[in-house]
Amino acid sequence: MSKDQVWTRDEIESPCVRVCVVHPEARICTGCLRSIDEIRDWSRMTPDQRREIMAELPDRGTMLRKRRGGRAARLKRDG
């Protein structure tokens, strides 16, 4: 490899955005939308496994947007 060439990796990048907070109900990271198991196993996954997960991530965002009932639900739950 010449000094002008840049070394690159063929593997798919991680979807991590460094906002690592696990949603208490959905059990996925609110930043990258992966499950804890997917985050843990990411470095050992094949490129095909990673691509499959990456394709699913956009649909997972709706899991975090569901309302939990707001104040009325909290009063009902605590009252």
C-alpha atoms as a PDB file:
ATOM      1  CA  MET A   1       0.000   0.000   0.000  1.00  0.00           C
ATOM      2  CA  SER A   2       1.422   3.372  -0.957  1.00  0.00           C
ATOM      3  CA  LYS A   3       1.441   6.320   1.415  1.00  0.00           C
ATOM      4  CA  ASP A   4      -1.292   7.979  -0.700  1.00  0.00           C
ATOM      5  CA  GLN A   5      -3.746   5.127  -0.180  1.00  0.00           C
ATOM      6  CA  VAL A   6      -6.053   5.175   2.810  1.00  0.00           C
ATOM      7  CA  TRP A   7      -6.835   1.956   4.608  1.00  0.00           C
ATOM      8  CA  THR A   8     -10.571   1.286   4.832  1.00  0.00           C
ATOM      9  CA  ARG A   9     -12.709  -1.389   6.410  1.00  0.00           C
ATOM     10  CA  ASP A  10     -15.419  -3.268   4.539  1.00  0.00           C
ATOM     11  CA  GLU A  11     -17.672  -3.763   7.544  1.00  0.00           C
ATOM     12  CA  ILE A  12     -20.829  -1.748   8.059  1.00  0.00           C
ATOM     13  CA  GLU A  13     -20.574   1.179  10.461  1.00  0.00           C
ATOM     14  CA  SER A  14     -22.276   1.171  13.827  1.00  0.00           C
ATOM     15  CA  PRO A  15     -25.508   3.158  14.144  1.00  0.00           C
ATOM     16  CA  CYS A  16     -24.355   4.433  17.545  1.00  0.00           C
ATOM     17  CA  VAL A  17     -24.861   8.187  18.023  1.00  0.00           C
ATOM     18  CA  ARG A  18     -23.435   8.257  21.566  1.00  0.00           C
ATOM     19  CA  VAL A  19     -26.824   8.824  23.196  1.00  0.00           C
ATOM     20  CA  CYS A  20     -26.881   5.649  25.248  1.00  0.00           C
ATOM     21  CA  VAL A  21     -30.146   5.580  27.194  1.00  0.00           C
ATOM     22  CA  VAL A  22     -32.287   2.457  27.309  1.00  0.00           C
ATOM     23  CA  HIS A  23     -36.020   3.110  27.108  1.00  0.00           C
ATOM     24  CA  PRO A  24     -37.582   1.454  30.192  1.00  0.00           C
ATOM     25  CA  GLU A  25     -40.544  -0.055  28.342  1.00  0.00           C
ATOM     26  CA  ALA A  26     -39.316  -0.644  24.789  1.00  0.00           C
ATOM     27  CA  ARG A  27     -35.918  -1.906  26.072  1.00  0.00           C
ATOM     28  CA  ILE A  28     -34.030  -0.335  23.181  1.00  0.00           C
ATOM     29  CA  CYS A  29     -31.431   2.423  23.101  1.00  0.00           C
ATOM     30  CA  THR A  30     -33.105   5.774  22.450  1.00  0.00           C
ATOM     31  CA  GLY A  31     -30.068   6.867  20.435  1.00  0.00           C
ATOM     32  CA  CYS A  32     -29.402   4.041  17.988  1.00  0.00           C
ATOM     33  CA  LEU A  33     -32.614   2.004  18.497  1.00  0.00           C
ATOM     34  CA  ARG A  34     -30.741  -1.264  18.997  1.00  0.00           C
ATOM     35  CA  SER A  35     -31.511  -3.721  21.783  1.00  0.00           C
ATOM     36  CA  ILE A  36     -28.981  -4.338  24.525  1.00  0.00           C
ATOM     37  CA  ASP A  37     -28.191  -7.742  23.000  1.00  0.00           C
ATOM     38  CA  GLU A  38     -27.610  -6.196  19.567  1.00  0.00           C
ATOM     39  CA  ILE A  39     -25.295  -3.573  21.036  1.00  0.00           C
ATOM     40  CA  ARG A  40     -23.376  -6.218  22.978  1.00  0.00           C
ATOM     41  CA  ASP A  41     -23.017  -8.563  19.997  1.00  0.00           C
ATOM     42  CA  TRP A  42     -22.424  -5.928  17.285  1.00  0.00           C
ATOM     43  CA  SER A  43     -18.669  -6.455  16.979  1.00  0.00           C
ATOM     44  CA  ARG A  44     -19.134 -10.222  16.557  1.00  0.00           C
ATOM     45  CA  MET A  45     -21.935 -10.032  13.974  1.00  0.00           C
ATOM     46  CA  THR A  46     -21.462 -10.732  10.307  1.00  0.00           C
ATOM     47  CA  PRO A  47     -21.933  -7.855   7.852  1.00  0.00           C
ATOM     48  CA  ASP A  48     -25.218  -9.466   6.726  1.00  0.00           C
ATOM     49  CA  GLN A  49     -26.520  -9.597  10.298  1.00  0.00           C
ATOM     50  CA  ARG A  50     -25.604  -5.943  10.788  1.00  0.00           C
ATOM     51  CA  ARG A  51     -27.299  -4.912   7.535  1.00  0.00           C
ATOM     52  CA  GLU A  52     -30.445  -6.754   8.579  1.00  0.00           C
ATOM     53  CA  ILE A  53     -30.566  -4.879  11.887  1.00  0.00           C
ATOM     54  CA  MET A  54     -29.775  -1.560  10.208  1.00  0.00           C
ATOM     55  CA  ALA A  55     -32.732  -2.112   7.857  1.00  0.00           C
ATOM     56  CA  GLU A  56     -35.057  -2.653  10.845  1.00  0.00           C
ATOM     57  CA  LEU A  57     -33.968   0.417  12.832  1.00  0.00           C
ATOM     58  CA  PRO A  58     -36.139   3.074  11.115  1.00  0.00           C
ATOM     59  CA  ASP A  59     -39.307   1.144  12.025  1.00  0.00           C
ATOM     60  CA  ARG A  60     -38.285   0.920  15.689  1.00  0.00           C
ATOM     61  CA  GLY A  61     -38.473   4.677  16.193  1.00  0.00           C
ATOM     62  CA  THR A  62     -42.253   4.451  16.472  1.00  0.00           C
ATOM     63  CA  MET A  63     -41.821   2.347  19.609  1.00  0.00           C
ATOM     64  CA  LEU A  64     -40.451   5.398  21.412  1.00  0.00           C
ATOM     65  CA  ARG A  65     -43.036   7.884  20.183  1.00  0.00           C
ATOM     66  CA  LYS A  66     -46.039   6.215  21.780  1.00  0.00           C
ATOM     67  CA  ARG A  67     -47.566   8.335  24.504  1.00  0.00           C
ATOM     68  CA  ARG A  68     -47.717   6.775  27.916  1.00  0.00           C
ATOM     69  CA  GLY A  69     -50.814   8.660  29.028  1.00  0.00           C
ATOM     70  CA  GLY A  70     -49.279  11.796  30.518  1.00  0.00           C
ATOM     71  CA  ARG A  71     -50.547  13.262  33.771  1.00  0.00           C
ATOM     72  CA  ALA A  72     -53.883  11.402  33.728  1.00  0.00           C
ATOM     73  CA  ALA A  73     -52.170   8.024  33.485  1.00  0.00           C
ATOM     74  CA  ARG A  74     -49.692   8.943  36.211  1.00  0.00           C
ATOM     75  CA  LEU A  75     -52.493  10.027  38.591  1.00  0.00           C
ATOM     76  CA  LYS A  76     -54.420   6.860  37.842  1.00  0.00           C
ATOM     77  CA  ARG A  77     -51.328   4.715  38.414  1.00  0.00           C
ATOM     78  CA  ASP A  78     -50.216   6.498  41.608  1.00  0.00           C
ATOM     79  CA  GLY A  79     -53.639   7.242  43.012  1.00  0.00           C
END
